[in-house]
Amino acid sequence: MLSKDRFNILYEAWRAGREKPVTQRTLCEGAGISLGKANRLVNELRQEGLLDGKNHITDSGLNALEPYRVKRAIFIAAGF
């Protein structure tokens, strides 16, 4: 299980794509956490192989996000 902050960091890395390096400032702003906490989490995620050296999400990182992917959704509307 990923913590909320770790999930948010991985999600922001996924959203950023793989074209250019992603800064820790971009990740912390998108995740809504402090830069110091983002730095610690990014280092942990790199050690676990979920982020690479340029803060891009790895295949292992995508696998870690897979259980949280929405597969089905139901929309309910009410009114006239």
PDB file of N, CA and C in Angstrom:
ATOM      1  N   MET A   1       0.841  -1.186   0.000  1.00  0.00           N
ATOM      2  CA  MET A   1       0.000   0.000   0.000  1.00  0.00           C
ATOM      3  C   MET A   1       0.887   1.251   0.000  1.00  0.00           C
ATOM      4  N   LEU A   2       0.495   2.183  -0.806  1.00  0.00           N
ATOM      5  CA  LEU A   2       1.194   3.468  -0.852  1.00  0.00           C
ATOM      6  C   LEU A   2       0.516   4.444   0.092  1.00  0.00           C
ATOM      7  N   SER A   3       1.317   5.262   0.746  1.00  0.00           N
ATOM      8  CA  SER A   3       0.727   6.339   1.538  1.00  0.00           C
ATOM      9  C   SER A   3       0.177   7.386   0.573  1.00  0.00           C
ATOM     10  N   LYS A   4      -0.648   8.263   1.083  1.00  0.00           N
ATOM     11  CA  LYS A   4      -1.256   9.302   0.248  1.00  0.00           C
ATOM     12  C   LYS A   4      -0.183  10.164  -0.412  1.00  0.00           C
ATOM     13  N   ASP A   5       0.826  10.572   0.345  1.00  0.00           N
ATOM     14  CA  ASP A   5       1.868  11.438  -0.196  1.00  0.00           C
ATOM     15  C   ASP A   5       2.718  10.715  -1.236  1.00  0.00           C
ATOM     16  N   ARG A   6       3.042   9.453  -0.977  1.00  0.00           N
ATOM     17  CA  ARG A   6       3.820   8.681  -1.951  1.00  0.00           C
ATOM     18  C   ARG A   6       3.019   8.479  -3.227  1.00  0.00           C
ATOM     19  N   PHE A   7       1.725   8.199  -3.084  1.00  0.00           N
ATOM     20  CA  PHE A   7       0.850   8.066  -4.250  1.00  0.00           C
ATOM     21  C   PHE A   7       0.833   9.364  -5.049  1.00  0.00           C
ATOM     22  N   ASN A   8       0.678  10.488  -4.354  1.00  0.00           N
ATOM     23  CA  ASN A   8       0.607  11.784  -5.033  1.00  0.00           C
ATOM     24  C   ASN A   8       1.902  12.104  -5.786  1.00  0.00           C
ATOM     25  N   ILE A   9       3.046  11.776  -5.208  1.00  0.00           N
ATOM     26  CA  ILE A   9       4.320  12.004  -5.887  1.00  0.00           C
ATOM     27  C   ILE A   9       4.398  11.151  -7.153  1.00  0.00           C
ATOM     28  N   LEU A  10       4.043   9.867  -7.047  1.00  0.00           N
ATOM     29  CA  LEU A  10       4.077   8.995  -8.224  1.00  0.00           C
ATOM     30  C   LEU A  10       3.087   9.456  -9.287  1.00  0.00           C
ATOM     31  N   TYR A  11       1.916   9.873  -8.851  1.00  0.00           N
ATOM     32  CA  TYR A  11       0.906  10.343  -9.800  1.00  0.00           C
ATOM     33  C   TYR A  11       1.384  11.593 -10.537  1.00  0.00           C
ATOM     34  N   GLU A  12       1.992  12.514  -9.823  1.00  0.00           N
ATOM     35  CA  GLU A  12       2.511  13.732 -10.460  1.00  0.00           C
ATOM     36  C   GLU A  12       3.655  13.402 -11.417  1.00  0.00           C
ATOM     37  N   ALA A  13       4.484  12.432 -11.069  1.00  0.00           N
ATOM     38  CA  ALA A  13       5.561  12.012 -11.974  1.00  0.00           C
ATOM     39  C   ALA A  13       4.967  11.389 -13.232  1.00  0.00           C
ATOM     40  N   TRP A  14       3.906  10.628 -13.077  1.00  0.00           N
ATOM     41  CA  TRP A  14       3.224  10.032 -14.238  1.00  0.00           C
ATOM     42  C   TRP A  14       2.610  11.123 -15.116  1.00  0.00           C
ATOM     43  N   ARG A  15       1.953  12.106 -14.487  1.00  0.00           N
ATOM     44  CA  ARG A  15       1.334  13.201 -15.243  1.00  0.00           C
ATOM     45  C   ARG A  15       2.355  14.019 -16.017  1.00  0.00           C
ATOM     46  N   ALA A  16       3.550  14.171 -15.468  1.00  0.00           N
ATOM     47  CA  ALA A  16       4.582  14.994 -16.106  1.00  0.00           C
ATOM     48  C   ALA A  16       5.117  14.354 -17.383  1.00  0.00           C
ATOM     49  N   GLY A  17       4.989  13.058 -17.512  1.00  0.00           N
ATOM     50  CA  GLY A  17       5.488  12.387 -18.704  1.00  0.00           C
ATOM     51  C   GLY A  17       6.973  12.098 -18.623  1.00  0.00           C
ATOM     52  N   ARG A  18       7.527  11.669 -19.749  1.00  0.00           N
ATOM     53  CA  ARG A  18       8.935  11.254 -19.773  1.00  0.00           C
ATOM     54  C   ARG A  18       9.788  12.098 -20.711  1.00  0.00           C
ATOM     55  N   GLU A  19       9.251  13.189 -21.238  1.00  0.00           N
ATOM     56  CA  GLU A  19       9.993  13.970 -22.219  1.00  0.00           C
ATOM     57  C   GLU A  19      11.146  14.761 -21.611  1.00  0.00           C
ATOM     58  N   LYS A  20      10.929  15.366 -20.465  1.00  0.00           N
ATOM     59  CA  LYS A  20      11.963  16.203 -19.857  1.00  0.00           C
ATOM     60  C   LYS A  20      12.068  15.874 -18.372  1.00  0.00           C
ATOM     61  N   PRO A  21      13.188  16.239 -17.734  1.00  0.00           N
ATOM     62  CA  PRO A  21      13.330  15.983 -16.297  1.00  0.00           C
ATOM     63  C   PRO A  21      12.247  16.712 -15.488  1.00  0.00           C
ATOM     64  N   VAL A  22      11.831  16.082 -14.420  1.00  0.00           N
ATOM     65  CA  VAL A  22      10.794  16.638 -13.556  1.00  0.00           C
ATOM     66  C   VAL A  22      11.479  17.119 -12.273  1.00  0.00           C
ATOM     67  N   THR A  23      11.247  18.372 -11.903  1.00  0.00           N
ATOM     68  CA  THR A  23      11.877  18.902 -10.692  1.00  0.00           C
ATOM     69  C   THR A  23      11.098  18.476  -9.454  1.00  0.00           C
ATOM     70  N   GLN A  24      11.791  18.440  -8.332  1.00  0.00           N
ATOM     71  CA  GLN A  24      11.124  18.108  -7.079  1.00  0.00           C
ATOM     72  C   GLN A  24      10.133  19.203  -6.702  1.00  0.00           C
ATOM     73  N   ARG A  25      10.407  20.423  -7.111  1.00  0.00           N
ATOM     74  CA  ARG A  25       9.480  21.528  -6.839  1.00  0.00           C
ATOM     75  C   ARG A  25       8.147  21.287  -7.568  1.00  0.00           C
ATOM     76  N   THR A  26       8.219  20.822  -8.816  1.00  0.00           N
ATOM     77  CA  THR A  26       7.001  20.498  -9.570  1.00  0.00           C
ATOM     78  C   THR A  26       6.227  19.392  -8.872  1.00  0.00           C
ATOM     79  N   LEU A  27       6.930  18.370  -8.410  1.00  0.00           N
ATOM     80  CA  LEU A  27       6.272  17.253  -7.733  1.00  0.00           C
ATOM     81  C   LEU A  27       5.626  17.693  -6.428  1.00  0.00           C
ATOM     82  N   CYS A  28       6.319  18.525  -5.638  1.00  0.00           N
ATOM     83  CA  CYS A  28       5.762  18.930  -4.343  1.00  0.00           C
ATOM     84  C   CYS A  28       4.563  19.850  -4.528  1.00  0.00           C
ATOM     85  N   GLU A  29       4.613  20.738  -5.534  1.00  0.00           N
ATOM     86  CA  GLU A  29       3.475  21.629  -5.774  1.00  0.00           C
ATOM     87  C   GLU A  29       2.257  20.836  -6.236  1.00  0.00           C
ATOM     88  N   GLY A  30       2.466  19.888  -7.122  1.00  0.00           N
ATOM     89  CA  GLY A  30       1.358  19.068  -7.607  1.00  0.00           C
ATOM     90  C   GLY A  30       0.790  18.152  -6.532  1.00  0.00           C
ATOM     91  N   ALA A  31       1.661  17.653  -5.654  1.00  0.00           N
ATOM     92  CA  ALA A  31       1.229  16.742  -4.594  1.00  0.00           C
ATOM     93  C   ALA A  31       0.702  17.482  -3.375  1.00  0.00           C
ATOM     94  N   GLY A  32       0.969  18.786  -3.290  1.00  0.00           N
ATOM     95  CA  GLY A  32       0.489  19.565  -2.153  1.00  0.00           C
ATOM     96  C   GLY A  32       1.232  19.300  -0.863  1.00  0.00           C
ATOM     97  N   ILE A  33       2.535  19.061  -0.961  1.00  0.00           N
ATOM     98  CA  ILE A  33       3.352  18.818   0.230  1.00  0.00           C
ATOM     99  C   ILE A  33       4.559  19.753   0.200  1.00  0.00           C
ATOM    100  N   SER A  34       5.274  19.818   1.316  1.00  0.00           N
ATOM    101  CA  SER A  34       6.433  20.707   1.410  1.00  0.00           C
ATOM    102  C   SER A  34       7.595  20.155   0.584  1.00  0.00           C
ATOM    103  N   LEU A  35       8.508  21.028   0.231  1.00  0.00           N
ATOM    104  CA  LEU A  35       9.662  20.632  -0.574  1.00  0.00           C
ATOM    105  C   LEU A  35      10.552  19.646   0.185  1.00  0.00           C
ATOM    106  N   GLY A  36      10.716  19.849   1.469  1.00  0.00           N
ATOM    107  CA  GLY A  36      11.530  18.931   2.270  1.00  0.00           C
ATOM    108  C   GLY A  36      10.950  17.531   2.314  1.00  0.00           C
ATOM    109  N   LYS A  37       9.641  17.445   2.483  1.00  0.00           N
ATOM    110  CA  LYS A  37       8.977  16.141   2.513  1.00  0.00           C
ATOM    111  C   LYS A  37       9.036  15.484   1.139  1.00  0.00           C
ATOM    112  N   ALA A  38       8.861  16.286   0.094  1.00  0.00           N
ATOM    113  CA  ALA A  38       8.940  15.754  -1.266  1.00  0.00           C
ATOM    114  C   ALA A  38      10.344  15.215  -1.537  1.00  0.00           C
ATOM    115  N   ASN A  39      11.368  15.918  -1.077  1.00  0.00           N
ATOM    116  CA  ASN A  39      12.744  15.477  -1.253  1.00  0.00           C
ATOM    117  C   ASN A  39      12.961  14.118  -0.599  1.00  0.00           C
ATOM    118  N   ARG A  40      12.478  13.972   0.629  1.00  0.00           N
ATOM    119  CA  ARG A  40      12.633  12.696   1.343  1.00  0.00           C
ATOM    120  C   ARG A  40      11.887  11.578   0.616  1.00  0.00           C
ATOM    121  N   LEU A  41      10.647  11.847   0.177  1.00  0.00           N
ATOM    122  CA  LEU A  41       9.854  10.827  -0.497  1.00  0.00           C
ATOM    123  C   LEU A  41      10.437  10.449  -1.854  1.00  0.00           C
ATOM    124  N   VAL A  42      10.924  11.435  -2.593  1.00  0.00           N
ATOM    125  CA  VAL A  42      11.538  11.149  -3.895  1.00  0.00           C
ATOM    126  C   VAL A  42      12.758  10.256  -3.712  1.00  0.00           C
ATOM    127  N   ASN A  43      13.582  10.533  -2.717  1.00  0.00           N
ATOM    128  CA  ASN A  43      14.753   9.696  -2.453  1.00  0.00           C
ATOM    129  C   ASN A  43      14.335   8.273  -2.097  1.00  0.00           C
ATOM    130  N   GLU A  44      13.284   8.106  -1.290  1.00  0.00           N
ATOM    131  CA  GLU A  44      12.783   6.776  -0.939  1.00  0.00           C
ATOM    132  C   GLU A  44      12.270   6.056  -2.183  1.00  0.00           C
ATOM    133  N   LEU A  45      11.499   6.773  -3.006  1.00  0.00           N
ATOM    134  CA  LEU A  45      10.932   6.155  -4.207  1.00  0.00           C
ATOM    135  C   LEU A  45      12.019   5.782  -5.207  1.00  0.00           C
ATOM    136  N   ARG A  46      13.090   6.564  -5.269  1.00  0.00           N
ATOM    137  CA  ARG A  46      14.224   6.211  -6.134  1.00  0.00           C
ATOM    138  C   ARG A  46      14.909   4.948  -5.637  1.00  0.00           C
ATOM    139  N   GLN A  47      15.125   4.850  -4.325  1.00  0.00           N
ATOM    140  CA  GLN A  47      15.774   3.668  -3.752  1.00  0.00           C
ATOM    141  C   GLN A  47      14.945   2.412  -3.993  1.00  0.00           C
ATOM    142  N   GLU A  48      13.623   2.559  -4.007  1.00  0.00           N
ATOM    143  CA  GLU A  48      12.742   1.417  -4.248  1.00  0.00           C
ATOM    144  C   GLU A  48      12.576   1.118  -5.742  1.00  0.00           C
ATOM    145  N   GLY A  49      13.136   1.977  -6.610  1.00  0.00           N
ATOM    146  CA  GLY A  49      13.057   1.756  -8.046  1.00  0.00           C
ATOM    147  C   GLY A  49      11.757   2.207  -8.675  1.00  0.00           C
ATOM    148  N   LEU A  50      10.987   3.048  -7.964  1.00  0.00           N
ATOM    149  CA  LEU A  50       9.704   3.516  -8.496  1.00  0.00           C
ATOM    150  C   LEU A  50       9.873   4.803  -9.299  1.00  0.00           C
ATOM    151  N   LEU A  51      10.957   5.546  -9.050  1.00  0.00           N
ATOM    152  CA  LEU A  51      11.325   6.729  -9.830  1.00  0.00           C
ATOM    153  C   LEU A  51      12.758   6.548 -10.301  1.00  0.00           C
ATOM    154  N   ASP A  52      13.064   7.121 -11.480  1.00  0.00           N
ATOM    155  CA  ASP A  52      14.446   7.070 -11.948  1.00  0.00           C
ATOM    156  C   ASP A  52      15.182   8.348 -11.544  1.00  0.00           C
ATOM    157  N   GLY A  53      16.403   8.528 -12.016  1.00  0.00           N
ATOM    158  CA  GLY A  53      17.234   9.662 -11.629  1.00  0.00           C
ATOM    159  C   GLY A  53      16.715  11.017 -12.074  1.00  0.00           C
ATOM    160  N   LYS A  54      15.851  11.041 -13.094  1.00  0.00           N
ATOM    161  CA  LYS A  54      15.266  12.298 -13.577  1.00  0.00           C
ATOM    162  C   LYS A  54      13.844  12.492 -13.060  1.00  0.00           C
ATOM    163  N   ASN A  55      13.484  11.747 -12.031  1.00  0.00           N
ATOM    164  CA  ASN A  55      12.156  11.784 -11.397  1.00  0.00           C
ATOM    165  C   ASN A  55      11.040  11.338 -12.335  1.00  0.00           C
ATOM    166  N   HIS A  56      11.369  10.507 -13.312  1.00  0.00           N
ATOM    167  CA  HIS A  56      10.339   9.909 -14.157  1.00  0.00           C
ATOM    168  C   HIS A  56       9.872   8.626 -13.495  1.00  0.00           C
ATOM    169  N   ILE A  57       8.598   8.322 -13.673  1.00  0.00           N
ATOM    170  CA  ILE A  57       8.063   7.089 -13.105  1.00  0.00           C
ATOM    171  C   ILE A  57       8.592   5.896 -13.909  1.00  0.00           C
ATOM    172  N   THR A  58       8.953   4.837 -13.223  1.00  0.00           N
ATOM    173  CA  THR A  58       9.460   3.627 -13.876  1.00  0.00           C
ATOM    174  C   THR A  58       8.310   2.650 -14.073  1.00  0.00           C
ATOM    175  N   ASP A  59       8.601   1.537 -14.721  1.00  0.00           N
ATOM    176  CA  ASP A  59       7.590   0.495 -14.894  1.00  0.00           C
ATOM    177  C   ASP A  59       7.143  -0.052 -13.535  1.00  0.00           C
ATOM    178  N   SER A  60       8.073  -0.152 -12.595  1.00  0.00           N
ATOM    179  CA  SER A  60       7.716  -0.600 -11.242  1.00  0.00           C
ATOM    180  C   SER A  60       6.790   0.411 -10.570  1.00  0.00           C
ATOM    181  N   GLY A  61       7.035   1.696 -10.834  1.00  0.00           N
ATOM    182  CA  GLY A  61       6.169   2.742 -10.291  1.00  0.00           C
ATOM    183  C   GLY A  61       4.765   2.648 -10.858  1.00  0.00           C
ATOM    184  N   LEU A  62       4.669   2.371 -12.156  1.00  0.00           N
ATOM    185  CA  LEU A  62       3.349   2.187 -12.774  1.00  0.00           C
ATOM    186  C   LEU A  62       2.632   0.986 -12.176  1.00  0.00           C
ATOM    187  N   ASN A  63       3.388  -0.082 -11.921  1.00  0.00           N
ATOM    188  CA  ASN A  63       2.791  -1.261 -11.293  1.00  0.00           C
ATOM    189  C   ASN A  63       2.295  -0.955  -9.878  1.00  0.00           C
ATOM    190  N   ALA A  64       3.006  -0.073  -9.173  1.00  0.00           N
ATOM    191  CA  ALA A  64       2.588   0.307  -7.818  1.00  0.00           C
ATOM    192  C   ALA A  64       1.296   1.119  -7.851  1.00  0.00           C
ATOM    193  N   LEU A  65       1.079   1.888  -8.932  1.00  0.00           N
ATOM    194  CA  LEU A  65      -0.150   2.679  -9.066  1.00  0.00           C
ATOM    195  C   LEU A  65      -1.336   1.865  -9.571  1.00  0.00           C
ATOM    196  N   GLU A  66      -1.081   0.730 -10.185  1.00  0.00           N
ATOM    197  CA  GLU A  66      -2.138  -0.067 -10.821  1.00  0.00           C
ATOM    198  C   GLU A  66      -3.324  -0.401  -9.904  1.00  0.00           C
ATOM    199  N   PRO A  67      -3.113  -0.787  -8.643  1.00  0.00           N
ATOM    200  CA  PRO A  67      -4.274  -1.115  -7.802  1.00  0.00           C
ATOM    201  C   PRO A  67      -5.225   0.070  -7.570  1.00  0.00           C
ATOM    202  N   TYR A  68      -4.748   1.283  -7.820  1.00  0.00           N
ATOM    203  CA  TYR A  68      -5.558   2.475  -7.576  1.00  0.00           C
ATOM    204  C   TYR A  68      -6.259   2.976  -8.836  1.00  0.00           C
ATOM    205  N   ARG A  69      -6.020   2.309  -9.971  1.00  0.00           N
ATOM    206  CA  ARG A  69      -6.613   2.736 -11.241  1.00  0.00           C
ATOM    207  C   ARG A  69      -8.110   2.451 -11.218  1.00  0.00           C
ATOM    208  N   VAL A  70      -8.886   3.411 -11.696  1.00  0.00           N
ATOM    209  CA  VAL A  70     -10.334   3.241 -11.775  1.00  0.00           C
ATOM    210  C   VAL A  70     -10.637   2.444 -13.034  1.00  0.00           C
ATOM    211  N   LYS A  71     -11.329   1.329 -12.850  1.00  0.00           N
ATOM    212  CA  LYS A  71     -11.640   0.467 -13.979  1.00  0.00           C
ATOM    213  C   LYS A  71     -13.075   0.644 -14.453  1.00  0.00           C
ATOM    214  N   ARG A  72     -13.947   0.975 -13.541  1.00  0.00           N
ATOM    215  CA  ARG A  72     -15.352   1.190 -13.886  1.00  0.00           C
ATOM    216  C   ARG A  72     -15.874   2.372 -13.091  1.00  0.00           C
ATOM    217  N   ALA A  73     -16.800   3.087 -13.699  1.00  0.00           N
ATOM    218  CA  ALA A  73     -17.408   4.214 -13.001  1.00  0.00           C
ATOM    219  C   ALA A  73     -18.894   4.236 -13.333  1.00  0.00           C
ATOM    220  N   ILE A  74     -19.681   4.643 -12.369  1.00  0.00           N
ATOM    221  CA  ILE A  74     -21.122   4.784 -12.562  1.00  0.00           C
ATOM    222  C   ILE A  74     -21.462   6.239 -12.320  1.00  0.00           C
ATOM    223  N   PHE A  75     -22.163   6.826 -13.293  1.00  0.00           N
ATOM    224  CA  PHE A  75     -22.601   8.215 -13.165  1.00  0.00           C
ATOM    225  C   PHE A  75     -24.095   8.210 -12.904  1.00  0.00           C
ATOM    226  N   ILE A  76     -24.499   8.914 -11.897  1.00  0.00           N
ATOM    227  CA  ILE A  76     -25.900   9.017 -11.530  1.00  0.00           C
ATOM    228  C   ILE A  76     -26.304  10.484 -11.626  1.00  0.00           C
ATOM    229  N   ALA A  77     -27.364  10.731 -12.349  1.00  0.00           N
ATOM    230  CA  ALA A  77     -27.860  12.102 -12.502  1.00  0.00           C
ATOM    231  C   ALA A  77     -29.297  12.158 -11.999  1.00  0.00           C
ATOM    232  N   ALA A  78     -29.641  13.253 -11.379  1.00  0.00           N
ATOM    233  CA  ALA A  78     -31.002  13.404 -10.861  1.00  0.00           C
ATOM    234  C   ALA A  78     -31.538  14.755 -11.298  1.00  0.00           C
ATOM    235  N   GLY A  79     -32.828  14.864 -11.326  1.00  0.00           N
ATOM    236  CA  GLY A  79     -33.447  16.130 -11.688  1.00  0.00           C
ATOM    237  C   GLY A  79     -34.408  15.947 -12.854  1.00  0.00           C
ATOM    238  N   PHE A  80     -34.827  17.035 -13.404  1.00  0.00           N
ATOM    239  CA  PHE A  80     -35.774  16.962 -14.521  1.00  0.00           C
ATOM    240  C   PHE A  80     -35.134  16.429 -15.761  1.00  0.00           C
TER     241      PHE A  80
END
